[in-house]
Structure formats: C-alpha cells, structure tokens
C-alpha atoms as a PDB file:
ATOM      1  CA  MET A   1      32.996  -7.432  19.497  1.00  0.00           C
ATOM      2  CA  ILE A   2      36.758  -7.152  19.107  1.00  0.00           C
ATOM      3  CA  ALA A   3      37.975  -4.843  16.340  1.00  0.00           C
ATOM      4  CA  GLY A   4      39.593  -6.496  13.360  1.00  0.00           C
ATOM      5  CA  ILE A   5      42.839  -5.236  11.880  1.00  0.00           C
ATOM      6  CA  TYR A   6      42.883  -4.299   8.207  1.00  0.00           C
ATOM      7  CA  ASN A   7      45.495  -2.112   6.544  1.00  0.00           C
ATOM      8  CA  ILE A   8      44.092   0.084   3.787  1.00  0.00           C
ATOM      9  CA  THR A   9      46.005   1.215   0.705  1.00  0.00           C
ATOM     10  CA  CYS A  10      44.514   4.204  -1.109  1.00  0.00           C
ATOM     11  CA  ASP A  11      45.657   5.900  -4.319  1.00  0.00           C
ATOM     12  CA  GLN A  12      45.635   9.676  -3.882  1.00  0.00           C
ATOM     13  CA  GLY A  13      43.472  11.367  -6.512  1.00  0.00           C
ATOM     14  CA  SER A  14      41.477   8.202  -7.264  1.00  0.00           C
ATOM     15  CA  THR A  15      37.953   7.193  -6.324  1.00  0.00           C
ATOM     16  CA  PHE A  16      38.101   4.896  -3.299  1.00  0.00           C
ATOM     17  CA  GLU A  17      35.629   2.436  -1.798  1.00  0.00           C
ATOM     18  CA  ARG A  18      36.009  -0.383   0.715  1.00  0.00           C
ATOM     19  CA  VAL A  19      33.288  -2.644   2.132  1.00  0.00           C
ATOM     20  CA  PHE A  20      33.546  -4.238   5.572  1.00  0.00           C
ATOM     21  CA  ARG A  21      31.162  -7.091   6.402  1.00  0.00           C
ATOM     22  CA  VAL A  22      30.596  -7.669  10.111  1.00  0.00           C
ATOM     23  CA  THR A  23      29.425 -11.137  11.149  1.00  0.00           C
ATOM     24  CA  TYR A  24      29.021 -13.208  14.271  1.00  0.00           C
ATOM     25  CA  GLN A  25      29.423 -16.953  14.753  1.00  0.00           C
ATOM     26  CA  ASP A  26      26.331 -19.142  15.103  1.00  0.00           C
ATOM     27  CA  GLU A  27      25.978 -20.544  18.632  1.00  0.00           C
ATOM     28  CA  VAL A  28      24.928 -24.000  17.396  1.00  0.00           C
ATOM     29  CA  ASP A  29      26.961 -24.376  14.199  1.00  0.00           C
ATOM     30  CA  PRO A  30      30.448 -22.822  14.588  1.00  0.00           C
ATOM     31  CA  ASP A  31      30.968 -23.036  10.809  1.00  0.00           C
ATOM     32  CA  LEU A  32      28.025 -20.701  10.182  1.00  0.00           C
ATOM     33  CA  TYR A  33      28.307 -16.903  10.371  1.00  0.00           C
ATOM     34  CA  HIS A  34      25.454 -14.376  10.363  1.00  0.00           C
ATOM     35  CA  PRO A  35      25.542 -10.712   9.339  1.00  0.00           C
ATOM     36  CA  TYR A  36      25.437  -8.292  12.233  1.00  0.00           C
ATOM     37  CA  ASP A  37      22.130  -6.379  12.413  1.00  0.00           C
ATOM     38  CA  PHE A  38      22.910  -2.658  12.076  1.00  0.00           C
ATOM     39  CA  SER A  39      19.305  -1.416  12.329  1.00  0.00           C
ATOM     40  CA  GLY A  40      19.390   2.199  13.490  1.00  0.00           C
ATOM     41  CA  TYR A  41      23.201   2.375  13.655  1.00  0.00           C
ATOM     42  CA  THR A  42      25.472   5.173  12.475  1.00  0.00           C
ATOM     43  CA  ALA A  43      29.223   5.019  11.887  1.00  0.00           C
ATOM     44  CA  ARG A  44      32.309   7.221  11.947  1.00  0.00           C
ATOM     45  CA  MET A  45      35.916   6.975  10.820  1.00  0.00           C
ATOM     46  CA  GLN A  46      38.909   9.245  11.242  1.00  0.00           C
ATOM     47  CA  ILE A  47      42.294   9.107   9.567  1.00  0.00           C
ATOM     48  CA  ARG A  48      45.145  10.686  11.540  1.00  0.00           C
ATOM     49  CA  ARG A  49      48.907  10.885  11.054  1.00  0.00           C
ATOM     50  CA  ASP A  50      49.331   8.699  14.144  1.00  0.00           C
ATOM     51  CA  VAL A  51      47.238   7.696  17.139  1.00  0.00           C
ATOM     52  CA  ALA A  52      48.411  10.672  19.224  1.00  0.00           C
ATOM     53  CA  ALA A  53      47.782  13.298  16.501  1.00  0.00           C
ATOM     54  CA  THR A  54      45.033  15.813  17.218  1.00  0.00           C
ATOM     55  CA  ALA A  55      44.520  16.898  13.592  1.00  0.00           C
ATOM     56  CA  THR A  56      42.591  14.645  11.236  1.00  0.00           C
ATOM     57  CA  LEU A  57      43.607  13.866   7.659  1.00  0.00           C
ATOM     58  CA  ALA A  58      40.010  12.880   6.813  1.00  0.00           C
ATOM     59  CA  VAL A  59      36.699  12.372   8.607  1.00  0.00           C
ATOM     60  CA  LEU A  60      34.082   9.984   7.263  1.00  0.00           C
ATOM     61  CA  THR A  61      30.635   9.559   8.811  1.00  0.00           C
ATOM     62  CA  THR A  62      27.187   8.345   7.897  1.00  0.00           C
ATOM     63  CA  GLU A  63      26.087  11.953   8.396  1.00  0.00           C
ATOM     64  CA  ASN A  64      28.501  13.366   5.775  1.00  0.00           C
ATOM     65  CA  GLY A  65      27.675  10.566   3.339  1.00  0.00           C
ATOM     66  CA  ARG A  66      31.145   9.036   3.228  1.00  0.00           C
ATOM     67  CA  ILE A  67      29.995   5.932   5.128  1.00  0.00           C
ATOM     68  CA  SER A  68      26.930   3.872   4.313  1.00  0.00           C
ATOM     69  CA  ILE A  69      25.481   0.973   6.278  1.00  0.00           C
ATOM     70  CA  ASP A  70      23.478  -1.922   4.887  1.00  0.00           C
ATOM     71  CA  GLU A  71      21.475  -2.941   7.949  1.00  0.00           C
ATOM     72  CA  GLU A  72      20.419  -6.356   6.634  1.00  0.00           C
ATOM     73  CA  GLU A  73      23.736  -7.385   5.069  1.00  0.00           C
ATOM     74  CA  GLY A  74      25.786  -6.176   8.045  1.00  0.00           C
ATOM     75  CA  THR A  75      28.113  -4.115   5.856  1.00  0.00           C
ATOM     76  CA  VAL A  76      29.807  -0.775   6.392  1.00  0.00           C
ATOM     77  CA  THR A  77      31.039   0.896   3.196  1.00  0.00           C
ATOM     78  CA  ILE A  78      33.515   3.770   3.174  1.00  0.00           C
ATOM     79  CA  SER A  79      33.703   5.917   0.059  1.00  0.00           C
ATOM     80  CA  LEU A  80      35.798   8.870  -1.081  1.00  0.00           C
ATOM     81  CA  THR A  81      35.708  10.742  -4.362  1.00  0.00           C
ATOM     82  CA  ALA A  82      38.889  11.407  -6.349  1.00  0.00           C
ATOM     83  CA  THR A  83      38.805  15.012  -5.098  1.00  0.00           C
ATOM     84  CA  GLN A  84      38.550  13.852  -1.491  1.00  0.00           C
ATOM     85  CA  THR A  85      41.482  11.409  -1.764  1.00  0.00           C
ATOM     86  CA  ALA A  86      43.526  14.137  -3.500  1.00  0.00           C
ATOM     87  CA  ALA A  87      43.059  16.280  -0.374  1.00  0.00           C
ATOM     88  CA  ILE A  88      44.681  13.623   1.864  1.00  0.00           C
ATOM     89  CA  GLU A  89      48.364  14.475   1.944  1.00  0.00           C
ATOM     90  CA  ARG A  90      49.992  11.630   3.856  1.00  0.00           C
ATOM     91  CA  SER A  91      49.637   8.123   5.243  1.00  0.00           C
ATOM     92  CA  GLY A  92      48.381   7.514   8.742  1.00  0.00           C
ATOM     93  CA  VAL A  93      46.176   5.314  10.895  1.00  0.00           C
ATOM     94  CA  TYR A  94      42.410   4.896  11.069  1.00  0.00           C
ATOM     95  CA  ASP A  95      39.590   3.165  12.851  1.00  0.00           C
ATOM     96  CA  ILE A  96      35.879   2.737  12.222  1.00  0.00           C
ATOM     97  CA  GLU A  97      33.338   2.867  15.031  1.00  0.00           C
ATOM     98  CA  ILE A  98      29.659   1.999  14.923  1.00  0.00           C
ATOM     99  CA  ILE A  99      27.164   3.752  17.165  1.00  0.00           C
ATOM    100  CA  ALA A 100      24.034   1.890  18.271  1.00  0.00           C
ATOM    101  CA  PRO A 101      20.670   3.633  18.741  1.00  0.00           C
ATOM    102  CA  ASP A 102      21.366   3.624  22.528  1.00  0.00           C
ATOM    103  CA  GLN A 103      24.692   5.452  21.797  1.00  0.00           C
ATOM    104  CA  THR A 104      26.851   2.404  22.631  1.00  0.00           C
ATOM    105  CA  VAL A 105      30.064   2.693  20.597  1.00  0.00           C
ATOM    106  CA  GLN A 106      32.042  -0.260  19.263  1.00  0.00           C
ATOM    107  CA  LYS A 107      35.166  -0.238  17.143  1.00  0.00           C
ATOM    108  CA  ILE A 108      34.828  -2.723  14.263  1.00  0.00           C
ATOM    109  CA  VAL A 109      38.155  -2.308  12.451  1.00  0.00           C
ATOM    110  CA  ARG A 110      41.440  -0.417  12.726  1.00  0.00           C
ATOM    111  CA  GLY A 111      44.759  -0.290  10.959  1.00  0.00           C
ATOM    112  CA  ASN A 112      47.210   1.663   8.867  1.00  0.00           C
ATOM    113  CA  PHE A 113      46.053   3.937   6.061  1.00  0.00           C
ATOM    114  CA  GLU A 114      48.736   3.824   3.380  1.00  0.00           C
ATOM    115  CA  LEU A 115      48.481   6.611   0.807  1.00  0.00           C
ATOM    116  CA  ASN A 116      50.101   6.116  -2.592  1.00  0.00           C
ATOM    117  CA  LEU A 117      50.854   9.672  -3.681  1.00  0.00           C
ATOM    118  CA  GLU A 118      49.433  10.911  -6.961  1.00  0.00           C
ATOM    119  CA  VAL A 119      51.792  11.742  -9.820  1.00  0.00           C
ATOM    120  CA  THR A 120      49.339  12.650 -12.597  1.00  0.00           C
ATOM    121  CA  ARG A 121      47.128  15.602 -11.625  1.00  0.00           C
END
C-alpha cells in the first residue's frame, strides 16, 4: 500500500474530525473497490513542525482514543476536541500509520497540517 497525500486544514479551538477510507482495487473488475479489512489493527498519527522535528505538536492513537478504526468499513477516523486543537500552536506535517496484529506497519496517508489560528477564545 502506498500512502496517499492529503493536506489537512484545522481550525484551532474547534472540534475536529476527519475520516479516511482505505480501499483496494478488485482484481477482476478494476472499477470496483473494496474496503480494507482492519481486523485487529491499531493506528497512530503524529503532527510535527516539520519532518526533522523531534518534538510533536500532537499525538493521536487508537490507545488514547483520538483515532478510531471501523474494521468492516475500512475507515480510520481522527478526532480532536476543541480543547485539544486549542493546544496546537502552529502548522506542521503529519502522517497516519496502521499497525497490523503481526506488528507490520504501513503508512496510509501523509501531508501538511495547516492550522488556522483561533481569534475568539
């Protein structure tokens, strides 16, 4: 699986949610796509100022409840509360990785994380 590129725009201080649906092409009918089976998978995402930065701006995982996986639909949903987005102070970059039960890691999406700064607090 090759990671897709998707640039996220997030409003600081607002509730945020984004759903990513992961599919694969049918071997017989190239016009048909099937949801990826995420049975037993976990996921993680980090937002950093840039790729080389060691500090994170935010960390989302299935373990901390900021990422949820629908195994049958093949979706990965990232969610942040208004308080959590208010704590992010700048734009950066991100990626989302899925971890299979055998600990195989695959990146599903990456891109820029554009933060629109909050005015009303």
